[in-house]
């Protein structure tokens, strides 16, 4: 989850890292999942609850610390899902890499149906909807995610990138500013802030 928490032609099969295309959904930098080595580090010891990780993110002293905490958060959110829902999330991710966005949406939709209380699942479905061209549905799902967890930094990152893809630069900027309030040390955060400020003000890039 690195941006370290997305114009608008629909992309082909997205790679694991997607920082260069706003239409490709993912983590803070548009990545679908954090690096494996970071997830392994997070799995080495019991992770604190998401609320505690979010508290630490706001106080992180460096992008490196923020990156590790972001990966821990994503791993913890994934582990909140039941085994059945995790299989659906894995299937959705595999479908995206196989350039099968409709299959990804079917799996993400089933995951939300099984555990509608989990904010992260609404965010995952928002990504699938966006990749299927359902921008309106994607924004609705992000609103649902943020209603359940207002500090869900990945949802704010997705909101910023989805809005940017629609050339709604003011909304993209507002969402990114909110993300930086919650995760001020996210990698590349200030650089992206400057970019969005220039876009929102109609300045040359």
N, C-alpha and C. Protein backbone atom coordinates (compact mmCIF):
# COMPACT_ATOMS: atom_id res chain seq x y z
N UNK A 1 0.84 -1.18 0.00
CA UNK A 1 0.00 0.00 0.00
C UNK A 1 0.88 1.23 0.00
N UNK A 2 1.26 1.58 -1.05
CA UNK A 2 2.33 2.56 -1.08
C UNK A 2 2.06 3.61 -2.11
N UNK A 3 2.16 4.84 -1.73
CA UNK A 3 2.12 5.96 -2.64
C UNK A 3 3.38 6.71 -2.45
N UNK A 4 3.00 6.17 -1.66
CA UNK A 4 4.05 6.13 -0.70
C UNK A 4 5.19 6.65 -1.06
N UNK A 5 -1.94 3.98 -0.13
CA UNK A 5 -2.78 4.48 0.82
C UNK A 5 -1.88 3.31 -0.13
N UNK A 6 -6.13 6.42 -9.35
CA UNK A 6 -6.37 6.36 -8.75
C UNK A 6 -5.63 6.93 -8.41
N UNK A 7 -9.91 10.94 -18.16
CA UNK A 7 -8.72 9.96 -17.90
C UNK A 7 -9.25 8.77 -18.35
N UNK A 8 -9.12 8.76 -18.67
CA UNK A 8 -10.12 7.96 -18.03
C UNK A 8 -10.45 6.75 -18.87
N UNK A 9 -9.59 6.33 -19.70
CA UNK A 9 -9.81 5.12 -20.46
C UNK A 9 -9.70 3.94 -19.54
N UNK A 10 -10.48 2.93 -19.80
CA UNK A 10 -10.44 1.73 -18.96
C UNK A 10 -9.16 0.96 -19.26
N UNK A 11 -8.40 0.60 -18.26
CA UNK A 11 -7.10 0.01 -18.51
C UNK A 11 -7.19 -1.46 -18.82
N UNK A 12 -6.18 -2.00 -19.46
CA UNK A 12 -6.07 -3.45 -19.58
C UNK A 12 -5.62 -4.01 -18.24
N UNK A 13 -5.21 -5.24 -18.25
CA UNK A 13 -4.78 -5.95 -17.04
C UNK A 13 -3.82 -5.12 -16.20
N UNK A 14 -4.17 -4.84 -14.94
CA UNK A 14 -3.30 -4.01 -14.11
C UNK A 14 -2.16 -4.80 -13.52
N UNK A 15 -0.96 -4.25 -13.49
CA UNK A 15 0.16 -4.91 -12.83
C UNK A 15 0.03 -4.77 -11.33
N UNK A 16 0.96 -5.39 -10.58
CA UNK A 16 0.89 -5.33 -9.12
C UNK A 16 1.05 -3.92 -8.62
N UNK A 17 1.91 -3.11 -9.27
CA UNK A 17 2.06 -1.71 -8.89
C UNK A 17 1.39 -0.86 -9.96
N UNK A 18 0.58 0.13 -9.53
CA UNK A 18 -0.21 0.86 -10.49
C UNK A 18 -0.17 2.35 -10.22
N UNK A 19 0.96 2.87 -9.79
CA UNK A 19 1.03 4.27 -9.39
C UNK A 19 0.84 5.23 -10.56
N UNK A 20 0.98 4.77 -11.79
CA UNK A 20 0.99 5.69 -12.91
C UNK A 20 -0.35 5.79 -13.62
N UNK A 21 -1.36 5.04 -13.19
CA UNK A 21 -2.65 5.12 -13.86
C UNK A 21 -3.75 5.32 -12.84
N UNK A 22 -4.44 6.47 -12.86
CA UNK A 22 -5.49 6.71 -11.89
C UNK A 22 -6.69 5.80 -12.08
N UNK A 23 -6.84 5.20 -13.23
CA UNK A 23 -7.98 4.34 -13.49
C UNK A 23 -7.78 2.96 -12.89
N UNK A 24 -6.59 2.67 -12.44
CA UNK A 24 -6.29 1.36 -11.87
C UNK A 24 -6.32 1.46 -10.37
N UNK A 25 -7.24 0.73 -9.75
CA UNK A 25 -7.44 0.89 -8.32
C UNK A 25 -6.41 0.12 -7.53
N UNK A 26 -6.13 0.58 -6.31
CA UNK A 26 -5.20 -0.12 -5.46
C UNK A 26 -5.03 0.58 -4.15
N UNK A 27 -3.88 0.46 -3.55
CA UNK A 27 -3.62 1.07 -2.26
C UNK A 27 -3.31 2.54 -2.39
N UNK A 28 -2.53 3.09 -1.49
CA UNK A 28 -2.31 4.52 -1.48
C UNK A 28 -1.68 4.99 -2.78
N UNK A 29 -0.81 4.17 -3.36
CA UNK A 29 -0.20 4.55 -4.63
C UNK A 29 -0.85 3.83 -5.79
N UNK A 30 -2.03 3.26 -5.56
CA UNK A 30 -2.70 2.55 -6.63
C UNK A 30 -2.28 1.10 -6.72
N UNK A 31 -1.61 0.58 -5.67
CA UNK A 31 -1.18 -0.80 -5.72
C UNK A 31 -2.27 -1.69 -5.15
N UNK A 32 -2.43 -2.88 -5.71
CA UNK A 32 -3.48 -3.77 -5.26
C UNK A 32 -3.19 -4.39 -3.90
N UNK A 33 -1.93 -4.56 -3.56
CA UNK A 33 -1.60 -5.16 -2.29
C UNK A 33 -0.20 -4.72 -1.89
N UNK A 34 0.13 -4.77 -0.57
CA UNK A 34 1.45 -4.36 -0.14
C UNK A 34 2.49 -5.40 -0.52
N UNK A 35 3.78 -5.02 -0.50
CA UNK A 35 4.83 -5.98 -0.84
C UNK A 35 4.78 -7.20 0.07
N UNK A 36 5.07 -8.36 -0.50
CA UNK A 36 4.99 -9.60 0.28
C UNK A 36 5.88 -9.56 1.50
N UNK A 37 7.07 -9.00 1.39
CA UNK A 37 7.98 -9.00 2.52
C UNK A 37 7.42 -8.19 3.68
N UNK A 38 6.66 -7.12 3.36
CA UNK A 38 6.05 -6.33 4.44
C UNK A 38 4.93 -7.10 5.10
N UNK A 39 4.14 -7.85 4.32
CA UNK A 39 3.09 -8.66 4.91
C UNK A 39 3.67 -9.75 5.81
N UNK A 40 4.81 -10.31 5.40
CA UNK A 40 5.45 -11.33 6.22
C UNK A 40 5.95 -10.74 7.53
N UNK A 41 6.48 -9.52 7.47
CA UNK A 41 6.90 -8.85 8.69
C UNK A 41 5.73 -8.61 9.61
N UNK A 42 4.60 -8.20 9.03
CA UNK A 42 3.41 -7.93 9.83
C UNK A 42 2.88 -9.21 10.46
N UNK A 43 3.04 -10.35 9.75
CA UNK A 43 2.52 -11.61 10.25
C UNK A 43 3.41 -12.21 11.32
N UNK A 44 4.62 -11.68 11.49
CA UNK A 44 5.56 -12.26 12.44
C UNK A 44 5.10 -12.08 13.88
N UNK A 45 4.31 -11.07 14.15
CA UNK A 45 3.82 -10.81 15.50
C UNK A 45 2.37 -10.37 15.41
N UNK A 46 1.59 -10.63 16.46
CA UNK A 46 0.18 -10.21 16.43
C UNK A 46 0.07 -8.71 16.20
N UNK A 47 -0.75 -8.34 15.23
CA UNK A 47 -0.90 -6.93 14.90
C UNK A 47 -1.92 -6.28 15.83
N UNK A 48 -1.72 -5.02 16.16
CA UNK A 48 -2.71 -4.30 16.94
C UNK A 48 -3.98 -4.09 16.11
N UNK A 49 -5.08 -3.69 16.73
CA UNK A 49 -6.31 -3.44 15.97
C UNK A 49 -6.12 -2.27 15.01
N UNK A 50 -6.96 -2.19 13.97
CA UNK A 50 -6.82 -1.11 13.00
C UNK A 50 -6.82 0.27 13.62
N UNK A 51 -7.63 0.50 14.63
CA UNK A 51 -7.68 1.82 15.25
C UNK A 51 -6.34 2.22 15.83
N UNK A 52 -5.64 1.27 16.42
CA UNK A 52 -4.33 1.56 17.00
C UNK A 52 -3.30 1.84 15.90
N UNK A 53 -3.38 1.10 14.80
CA UNK A 53 -2.46 1.34 13.68
C UNK A 53 -2.70 2.71 13.09
N UNK A 54 -3.96 3.09 12.96
CA UNK A 54 -4.28 4.41 12.43
C UNK A 54 -3.78 5.51 13.35
N UNK A 55 -3.85 5.28 14.64
CA UNK A 55 -3.30 6.25 15.59
C UNK A 55 -1.80 6.42 15.37
N UNK A 56 -1.11 5.30 15.17
CA UNK A 56 0.34 5.35 14.97
C UNK A 56 0.70 6.02 13.64
N UNK A 57 -0.13 5.79 12.62
CA UNK A 57 0.15 6.40 11.32
C UNK A 57 0.16 7.92 11.40
N UNK A 58 -0.73 8.47 12.16
CA UNK A 58 -0.80 9.92 12.26
C UNK A 58 0.44 10.49 12.93
N UNK A 59 1.14 9.65 13.71
CA UNK A 59 2.32 10.10 14.44
C UNK A 59 3.62 9.57 13.85
N UNK A 60 3.56 8.92 12.69
CA UNK A 60 4.76 8.34 12.07
C UNK A 60 5.79 9.43 11.81
N UNK A 61 7.08 9.08 11.95
CA UNK A 61 8.16 10.05 11.81
C UNK A 61 8.82 10.04 10.44
N UNK A 62 8.51 9.04 9.62
CA UNK A 62 9.18 8.94 8.32
C UNK A 62 8.30 8.16 7.34
N UNK A 63 8.54 8.34 6.03
CA UNK A 63 7.81 7.54 5.05
C UNK A 63 8.03 6.04 5.23
N UNK A 64 9.23 5.67 5.67
CA UNK A 64 9.51 4.25 5.88
C UNK A 64 8.63 3.68 6.99
N UNK A 65 8.50 4.43 8.07
CA UNK A 65 7.64 3.99 9.17
C UNK A 65 6.19 3.92 8.71
N UNK A 66 5.77 4.92 7.95
CA UNK A 66 4.39 4.93 7.45
C UNK A 66 4.13 3.75 6.53
N UNK A 67 5.10 3.42 5.68
CA UNK A 67 4.94 2.30 4.75
C UNK A 67 4.72 1.00 5.50
N UNK A 68 5.51 0.78 6.54
CA UNK A 68 5.36 -0.45 7.33
C UNK A 68 4.00 -0.49 8.03
N UNK A 69 3.56 0.63 8.54
CA UNK A 69 2.27 0.69 9.23
C UNK A 69 1.12 0.51 8.24
N UNK A 70 1.26 1.06 7.05
CA UNK A 70 0.23 0.90 6.03
C UNK A 70 0.08 -0.57 5.64
N UNK A 71 1.20 -1.26 5.49
CA UNK A 71 1.17 -2.68 5.16
C UNK A 71 0.54 -3.47 6.31
N UNK A 72 0.88 -3.11 7.54
CA UNK A 72 0.29 -3.77 8.71
C UNK A 72 -1.22 -3.56 8.73
N UNK A 73 -1.64 -2.34 8.41
CA UNK A 73 -3.07 -2.05 8.40
C UNK A 73 -3.80 -2.88 7.37
N UNK A 74 -3.24 -2.94 6.16
CA UNK A 74 -3.92 -3.70 5.11
C UNK A 74 -3.99 -5.18 5.47
N UNK A 75 -2.91 -5.71 6.05
CA UNK A 75 -2.92 -7.11 6.46
C UNK A 75 -3.95 -7.34 7.55
N UNK A 76 -4.04 -6.43 8.51
CA UNK A 76 -5.00 -6.57 9.60
C UNK A 76 -6.43 -6.50 9.09
N UNK A 77 -6.70 -5.58 8.18
CA UNK A 77 -8.04 -5.46 7.62
C UNK A 77 -8.42 -6.73 6.85
N UNK A 78 -7.47 -7.28 6.12
CA UNK A 78 -7.73 -8.53 5.39
C UNK A 78 -8.06 -9.66 6.36
N UNK A 79 -7.33 -9.72 7.46
CA UNK A 79 -7.52 -10.80 8.43
C UNK A 79 -8.80 -10.66 9.24
N UNK A 80 -9.47 -9.51 9.16
CA UNK A 80 -10.76 -9.36 9.81
C UNK A 80 -11.85 -10.13 9.06
N UNK A 81 -11.60 -10.41 7.80
CA UNK A 81 -12.57 -11.14 7.00
C UNK A 81 -12.56 -12.63 7.37
N UNK A 82 -13.69 -13.28 7.20
CA UNK A 82 -13.75 -14.71 7.43
C UNK A 82 -12.96 -15.43 6.34
N UNK A 83 -12.72 -16.71 6.56
CA UNK A 83 -11.96 -17.49 5.58
C UNK A 83 -12.67 -17.49 4.23
N UNK A 84 -13.99 -17.61 4.24
CA UNK A 84 -14.75 -17.62 2.98
C UNK A 84 -14.62 -16.28 2.26
N UNK A 85 -14.67 -15.19 3.01
CA UNK A 85 -14.56 -13.87 2.39
C UNK A 85 -13.14 -13.64 1.89
N UNK A 86 -12.15 -14.13 2.60
CA UNK A 86 -10.78 -14.00 2.12
C UNK A 86 -10.59 -14.71 0.79
N UNK A 87 -11.22 -15.85 0.63
CA UNK A 87 -11.15 -16.56 -0.65
C UNK A 87 -11.77 -15.72 -1.77
N UNK A 88 -12.86 -15.05 -1.45
CA UNK A 88 -13.49 -14.18 -2.45
C UNK A 88 -12.60 -13.00 -2.80
N UNK A 89 -11.95 -12.42 -1.79
CA UNK A 89 -11.04 -11.30 -2.05
C UNK A 89 -9.86 -11.76 -2.90
N UNK A 90 -9.34 -12.93 -2.59
CA UNK A 90 -8.24 -13.46 -3.40
C UNK A 90 -8.70 -13.71 -4.83
N UNK A 91 -9.93 -14.21 -4.97
CA UNK A 91 -10.46 -14.46 -6.31
C UNK A 91 -10.65 -13.18 -7.10
N UNK A 92 -11.11 -12.13 -6.40
CA UNK A 92 -11.28 -10.84 -7.06
C UNK A 92 -9.95 -10.29 -7.55
N UNK A 93 -8.93 -10.41 -6.71
CA UNK A 93 -7.61 -9.93 -7.09
C UNK A 93 -7.06 -10.71 -8.29
N UNK A 94 -7.23 -12.04 -8.25
CA UNK A 94 -6.76 -12.87 -9.37
C UNK A 94 -7.51 -12.51 -10.65
N UNK A 95 -8.80 -12.24 -10.54
CA UNK A 95 -9.59 -11.89 -11.72
C UNK A 95 -9.13 -10.56 -12.32
N UNK A 96 -8.76 -9.61 -11.47
CA UNK A 96 -8.26 -8.33 -11.97
C UNK A 96 -6.97 -8.55 -12.76
N UNK A 97 -6.08 -9.36 -12.22
CA UNK A 97 -4.81 -9.62 -12.91
C UNK A 97 -5.02 -10.42 -14.19
N UNK A 98 -6.13 -11.18 -14.23
CA UNK A 98 -6.43 -11.95 -15.44
C UNK A 98 -7.28 -11.15 -16.42
N UNK A 99 -7.45 -9.85 -16.15
CA UNK A 99 -8.23 -8.97 -17.02
C UNK A 99 -9.67 -9.47 -17.13
N UNK A 100 -10.24 -9.85 -15.97
CA UNK A 100 -11.63 -10.28 -15.91
C UNK A 100 -12.37 -9.44 -14.86
N UNK A 101 -12.58 -8.15 -15.16
CA UNK A 101 -13.17 -7.26 -14.17
C UNK A 101 -14.57 -7.66 -13.73
N UNK A 102 -15.35 -8.28 -14.61
CA UNK A 102 -16.69 -8.71 -14.21
C UNK A 102 -16.63 -9.81 -13.16
N UNK A 103 -15.69 -10.72 -13.32
CA UNK A 103 -15.52 -11.78 -12.32
C UNK A 103 -15.05 -11.18 -11.00
N UNK A 104 -14.16 -10.18 -11.08
CA UNK A 104 -13.69 -9.51 -9.88
C UNK A 104 -14.84 -8.85 -9.14
N UNK A 105 -15.73 -8.22 -9.88
CA UNK A 105 -16.88 -7.57 -9.26
C UNK A 105 -17.82 -8.58 -8.62
N UNK A 106 -18.01 -9.71 -9.27
CA UNK A 106 -18.88 -10.75 -8.71
C UNK A 106 -18.34 -11.24 -7.37
N UNK A 107 -17.03 -11.46 -7.30
CA UNK A 107 -16.42 -11.92 -6.04
C UNK A 107 -16.49 -10.84 -4.97
N UNK A 108 -16.20 -9.59 -5.36
CA UNK A 108 -16.24 -8.49 -4.39
C UNK A 108 -17.66 -8.27 -3.88
N UNK A 109 -18.63 -8.40 -4.76
CA UNK A 109 -20.03 -8.23 -4.37
C UNK A 109 -20.45 -9.31 -3.38
N UNK A 110 -20.02 -10.53 -3.63
CA UNK A 110 -20.34 -11.63 -2.71
C UNK A 110 -19.69 -11.41 -1.35
N UNK A 111 -18.47 -10.85 -1.35
CA UNK A 111 -17.78 -10.58 -0.09
C UNK A 111 -18.54 -9.55 0.75
N UNK A 112 -19.02 -8.49 0.10
CA UNK A 112 -19.79 -7.47 0.81
C UNK A 112 -21.08 -8.06 1.37
N UNK A 113 -21.70 -8.93 0.61
CA UNK A 113 -22.95 -9.55 1.05
C UNK A 113 -22.74 -10.39 2.31
N UNK A 114 -21.59 -11.06 2.38
CA UNK A 114 -21.32 -11.93 3.53
C UNK A 114 -20.91 -11.16 4.78
N UNK A 115 -20.17 -10.06 4.62
CA UNK A 115 -19.71 -9.28 5.76
C UNK A 115 -19.89 -7.78 5.50
N UNK A 116 -21.11 -7.32 5.46
CA UNK A 116 -21.36 -5.91 5.10
C UNK A 116 -20.87 -4.91 6.14
N UNK A 117 -20.51 -5.39 7.32
CA UNK A 117 -20.04 -4.47 8.36
C UNK A 117 -18.59 -4.05 8.16
N UNK A 118 -17.84 -4.74 7.31
CA UNK A 118 -16.42 -4.45 7.12
C UNK A 118 -16.23 -3.35 6.07
N UNK A 119 -15.68 -2.22 6.49
CA UNK A 119 -15.47 -1.10 5.58
C UNK A 119 -14.56 -1.47 4.42
N UNK A 120 -13.55 -2.26 4.69
CA UNK A 120 -12.57 -2.60 3.65
C UNK A 120 -13.22 -3.34 2.49
N UNK A 121 -14.25 -4.12 2.76
CA UNK A 121 -14.90 -4.87 1.68
C UNK A 121 -15.65 -3.93 0.73
N UNK A 122 -16.23 -2.89 1.27
CA UNK A 122 -16.89 -1.90 0.42
C UNK A 122 -15.85 -1.18 -0.46
N UNK A 123 -14.69 -0.93 0.11
CA UNK A 123 -13.63 -0.30 -0.69
C UNK A 123 -13.17 -1.22 -1.81
N UNK A 124 -13.03 -2.50 -1.49
CA UNK A 124 -12.61 -3.45 -2.53
C UNK A 124 -13.64 -3.52 -3.65
N UNK A 125 -14.92 -3.50 -3.27
CA UNK A 125 -15.94 -3.54 -4.32
C UNK A 125 -15.94 -2.24 -5.13
N UNK A 126 -15.64 -1.13 -4.46
CA UNK A 126 -15.54 0.14 -5.19
C UNK A 126 -14.46 0.05 -6.27
N UNK A 127 -13.34 -0.57 -5.95
CA UNK A 127 -12.29 -0.75 -6.94
C UNK A 127 -12.79 -1.56 -8.14
N UNK A 128 -13.49 -2.66 -7.84
CA UNK A 128 -13.99 -3.52 -8.91
C UNK A 128 -15.02 -2.78 -9.76
N UNK A 129 -15.87 -2.02 -9.11
CA UNK A 129 -16.86 -1.25 -9.87
C UNK A 129 -16.19 -0.21 -10.77
N UNK A 130 -15.18 0.43 -10.25
CA UNK A 130 -14.47 1.44 -11.04
C UNK A 130 -13.82 0.82 -12.26
N UNK A 131 -13.22 -0.33 -12.09
CA UNK A 131 -12.58 -1.02 -13.21
C UNK A 131 -13.60 -1.50 -14.23
N UNK A 132 -14.86 -1.67 -13.80
CA UNK A 132 -15.93 -2.07 -14.71
C UNK A 132 -16.63 -0.87 -15.34
N UNK A 133 -16.15 0.33 -15.04
CA UNK A 133 -16.74 1.52 -15.64
C UNK A 133 -17.92 2.08 -14.87
N UNK A 134 -18.21 1.52 -13.70
CA UNK A 134 -19.31 2.01 -12.88
C UNK A 134 -18.78 3.03 -11.89
N UNK A 135 -18.46 4.22 -12.38
CA UNK A 135 -17.88 5.24 -11.52
C UNK A 135 -18.84 5.64 -10.40
N UNK A 136 -20.11 5.82 -10.73
CA UNK A 136 -21.09 6.21 -9.72
C UNK A 136 -21.17 5.18 -8.60
N UNK A 137 -21.24 3.91 -8.99
CA UNK A 137 -21.29 2.85 -7.99
C UNK A 137 -20.04 2.81 -7.14
N UNK A 138 -18.89 3.10 -7.74
CA UNK A 138 -17.63 3.11 -7.00
C UNK A 138 -17.65 4.19 -5.92
N UNK A 139 -18.14 5.38 -6.27
CA UNK A 139 -18.20 6.46 -5.29
C UNK A 139 -19.20 6.15 -4.18
N UNK A 140 -20.29 5.49 -4.53
CA UNK A 140 -21.27 5.09 -3.52
C UNK A 140 -20.64 4.11 -2.53
N UNK A 141 -19.90 3.15 -3.06
CA UNK A 141 -19.26 2.16 -2.19
C UNK A 141 -18.19 2.80 -1.30
N UNK A 142 -17.44 3.75 -1.83
CA UNK A 142 -16.45 4.43 -1.00
C UNK A 142 -17.13 5.21 0.12
N UNK A 143 -18.28 5.80 -0.17
CA UNK A 143 -19.03 6.49 0.87
C UNK A 143 -19.47 5.52 1.96
N UNK A 144 -19.86 4.32 1.56
CA UNK A 144 -20.24 3.30 2.53
C UNK A 144 -19.05 2.88 3.39
N UNK A 145 -17.90 2.73 2.74
CA UNK A 145 -16.68 2.36 3.47
C UNK A 145 -16.32 3.42 4.50
N UNK A 146 -16.36 4.68 4.10
CA UNK A 146 -15.97 5.76 5.00
C UNK A 146 -17.01 6.01 6.08
N UNK A 147 -18.26 5.65 5.82
CA UNK A 147 -19.28 5.75 6.86
C UNK A 147 -19.00 4.74 7.98
N UNK A 148 -18.42 3.61 7.61
CA UNK A 148 -18.10 2.58 8.60
C UNK A 148 -16.76 2.83 9.29
N UNK A 149 -15.80 3.41 8.55
CA UNK A 149 -14.49 3.73 9.12
C UNK A 149 -14.00 5.03 8.49
N UNK A 150 -14.30 6.17 9.13
CA UNK A 150 -13.93 7.47 8.54
C UNK A 150 -12.43 7.66 8.36
N UNK A 151 -11.63 6.85 9.04
CA UNK A 151 -10.17 7.01 8.92
C UNK A 151 -9.55 6.00 7.97
N UNK A 152 -10.36 5.34 7.17
CA UNK A 152 -9.83 4.32 6.25
C UNK A 152 -9.02 5.01 5.15
N UNK A 153 -7.72 5.05 5.34
CA UNK A 153 -6.86 5.84 4.45
C UNK A 153 -6.88 5.33 3.02
N UNK A 154 -7.02 4.03 2.83
CA UNK A 154 -7.06 3.51 1.47
C UNK A 154 -8.31 3.98 0.73
N UNK A 155 -9.41 4.16 1.46
CA UNK A 155 -10.63 4.67 0.83
C UNK A 155 -10.46 6.13 0.40
N UNK A 156 -9.78 6.92 1.25
CA UNK A 156 -9.51 8.31 0.87
C UNK A 156 -8.57 8.37 -0.34
N UNK A 157 -7.60 7.46 -0.38
CA UNK A 157 -6.69 7.41 -1.53
C UNK A 157 -7.44 7.05 -2.80
N UNK A 158 -8.31 6.04 -2.71
CA UNK A 158 -9.09 5.65 -3.89
C UNK A 158 -10.01 6.78 -4.33
N UNK A 159 -10.64 7.44 -3.37
CA UNK A 159 -11.54 8.55 -3.70
C UNK A 159 -10.78 9.64 -4.46
N UNK A 160 -9.57 9.93 -4.01
CA UNK A 160 -8.76 10.94 -4.68
C UNK A 160 -8.42 10.52 -6.10
N UNK A 161 -8.03 9.29 -6.29
CA UNK A 161 -7.60 8.84 -7.61
C UNK A 161 -8.78 8.66 -8.56
N UNK A 162 -9.91 8.19 -8.03
CA UNK A 162 -11.08 8.05 -8.89
C UNK A 162 -11.56 9.43 -9.36
N UNK A 163 -11.57 10.39 -8.43
CA UNK A 163 -11.99 11.74 -8.79
C UNK A 163 -11.01 12.35 -9.81
N UNK A 164 -9.73 12.10 -9.62
CA UNK A 164 -8.73 12.60 -10.56
C UNK A 164 -8.97 12.02 -11.95
N UNK A 165 -9.30 10.75 -12.02
CA UNK A 165 -9.55 10.11 -13.31
C UNK A 165 -10.73 10.74 -14.03
N UNK A 166 -11.68 11.28 -13.26
CA UNK A 166 -12.85 11.96 -13.83
C UNK A 166 -12.59 13.46 -14.04
N UNK A 167 -11.35 13.86 -13.79
CA UNK A 167 -10.93 15.26 -13.93
C UNK A 167 -11.65 16.18 -12.94
N UNK A 168 -12.10 15.59 -11.83
CA UNK A 168 -12.68 16.37 -10.74
C UNK A 168 -11.54 16.66 -9.76
N UNK A 169 -10.69 17.59 -10.15
CA UNK A 169 -9.45 17.78 -9.42
C UNK A 169 -9.65 18.38 -8.02
N UNK A 170 -10.67 19.19 -7.86
CA UNK A 170 -10.92 19.75 -6.53
C UNK A 170 -11.32 18.66 -5.54
N UNK A 171 -12.17 17.76 -6.00
CA UNK A 171 -12.56 16.65 -5.13
C UNK A 171 -11.38 15.73 -4.86
N UNK A 172 -10.57 15.51 -5.88
CA UNK A 172 -9.38 14.68 -5.70
C UNK A 172 -8.44 15.31 -4.69
N UNK A 173 -8.29 16.61 -4.76
CA UNK A 173 -7.42 17.33 -3.83
C UNK A 173 -7.97 17.25 -2.41
N UNK A 174 -9.25 17.46 -2.24
CA UNK A 174 -9.84 17.41 -0.91
C UNK A 174 -9.66 16.04 -0.27
N UNK A 175 -9.86 14.99 -1.05
CA UNK A 175 -9.69 13.64 -0.52
C UNK A 175 -8.24 13.38 -0.13
N UNK A 176 -7.31 13.88 -0.96
CA UNK A 176 -5.89 13.65 -0.65
C UNK A 176 -5.47 14.45 0.58
N UNK A 177 -6.01 15.64 0.74
CA UNK A 177 -5.72 16.42 1.93
C UNK A 177 -6.22 15.70 3.18
N UNK A 178 -7.38 15.07 3.07
CA UNK A 178 -7.90 14.30 4.20
C UNK A 178 -6.98 13.12 4.51
N UNK A 179 -6.50 12.46 3.47
CA UNK A 179 -5.58 11.34 3.69
C UNK A 179 -4.33 11.81 4.42
N UNK A 180 -3.79 12.95 4.02
CA UNK A 180 -2.57 13.44 4.66
C UNK A 180 -2.80 13.87 6.10
N UNK A 181 -4.01 14.24 6.45
CA UNK A 181 -4.32 14.51 7.86
C UNK A 181 -4.18 13.23 8.68
N UNK A 182 -4.54 12.11 8.07
CA UNK A 182 -4.53 10.83 8.77
C UNK A 182 -3.20 10.11 8.65
N UNK A 183 -2.48 10.35 7.56
CA UNK A 183 -1.24 9.62 7.26
C UNK A 183 -0.24 10.61 6.64
N UNK A 184 0.24 11.57 7.44
CA UNK A 184 1.06 12.67 6.89
C UNK A 184 2.39 12.24 6.29
N UNK A 185 2.89 11.06 6.67
CA UNK A 185 4.18 10.63 6.16
C UNK A 185 4.07 9.63 5.01
N UNK A 186 2.88 9.43 4.47
CA UNK A 186 2.75 8.47 3.38
C UNK A 186 3.72 8.82 2.25
N UNK A 187 4.37 7.84 1.72
CA UNK A 187 5.41 8.07 0.71
C UNK A 187 4.84 8.75 -0.53
N UNK A 188 5.46 9.84 -0.94
CA UNK A 188 5.01 10.57 -2.11
C UNK A 188 3.80 11.44 -1.86
N UNK A 189 3.38 11.54 -0.61
CA UNK A 189 2.16 12.27 -0.30
C UNK A 189 2.22 13.75 -0.63
N UNK A 190 3.31 14.40 -0.26
CA UNK A 190 3.43 15.84 -0.51
C UNK A 190 3.61 16.14 -1.99
N UNK A 191 4.29 15.25 -2.70
CA UNK A 191 4.46 15.43 -4.14
C UNK A 191 3.12 15.36 -4.86
N UNK A 192 2.31 14.39 -4.46
CA UNK A 192 0.98 14.27 -5.07
C UNK A 192 0.10 15.46 -4.68
N UNK A 193 0.24 15.92 -3.46
CA UNK A 193 -0.53 17.09 -3.03
C UNK A 193 -0.23 18.29 -3.92
N UNK A 194 1.03 18.50 -4.20
CA UNK A 194 1.43 19.62 -5.06
C UNK A 194 0.85 19.45 -6.47
N UNK A 195 0.88 18.23 -6.98
CA UNK A 195 0.34 17.96 -8.31
C UNK A 195 -1.15 18.27 -8.36
N UNK A 196 -1.90 17.81 -7.36
CA UNK A 196 -3.34 18.03 -7.35
C UNK A 196 -3.68 19.51 -7.15
N UNK A 197 -2.88 20.20 -6.36
CA UNK A 197 -3.12 21.63 -6.18
C UNK A 197 -2.97 22.37 -7.50
N UNK A 198 -1.96 22.00 -8.28
CA UNK A 198 -1.77 22.64 -9.58
C UNK A 198 -2.90 22.30 -10.55
N UNK A 199 -3.33 21.05 -10.53
CA UNK A 199 -4.44 20.66 -11.39
C UNK A 199 -5.73 21.37 -10.99
N UNK A 200 -5.98 21.44 -9.69
CA UNK A 200 -7.20 22.08 -9.21
C UNK A 200 -7.22 23.56 -9.54
N UNK A 201 -6.05 24.18 -9.60
CA UNK A 201 -5.95 25.61 -9.89
C UNK A 201 -5.75 25.91 -11.37
N UNK A 202 -5.78 24.86 -12.19
CA UNK A 202 -5.64 25.05 -13.62
C UNK A 202 -4.24 25.43 -14.05
N UNK A 203 -3.26 25.10 -13.25
CA UNK A 203 -1.87 25.46 -13.57
C UNK A 203 -1.24 24.35 -14.41
N UNK A 204 -0.23 24.67 -15.18
CA UNK A 204 0.43 23.63 -16.00
C UNK A 204 1.12 22.60 -15.11
N UNK A 205 1.10 21.38 -15.59
CA UNK A 205 1.70 20.28 -14.82
C UNK A 205 3.19 20.18 -15.12
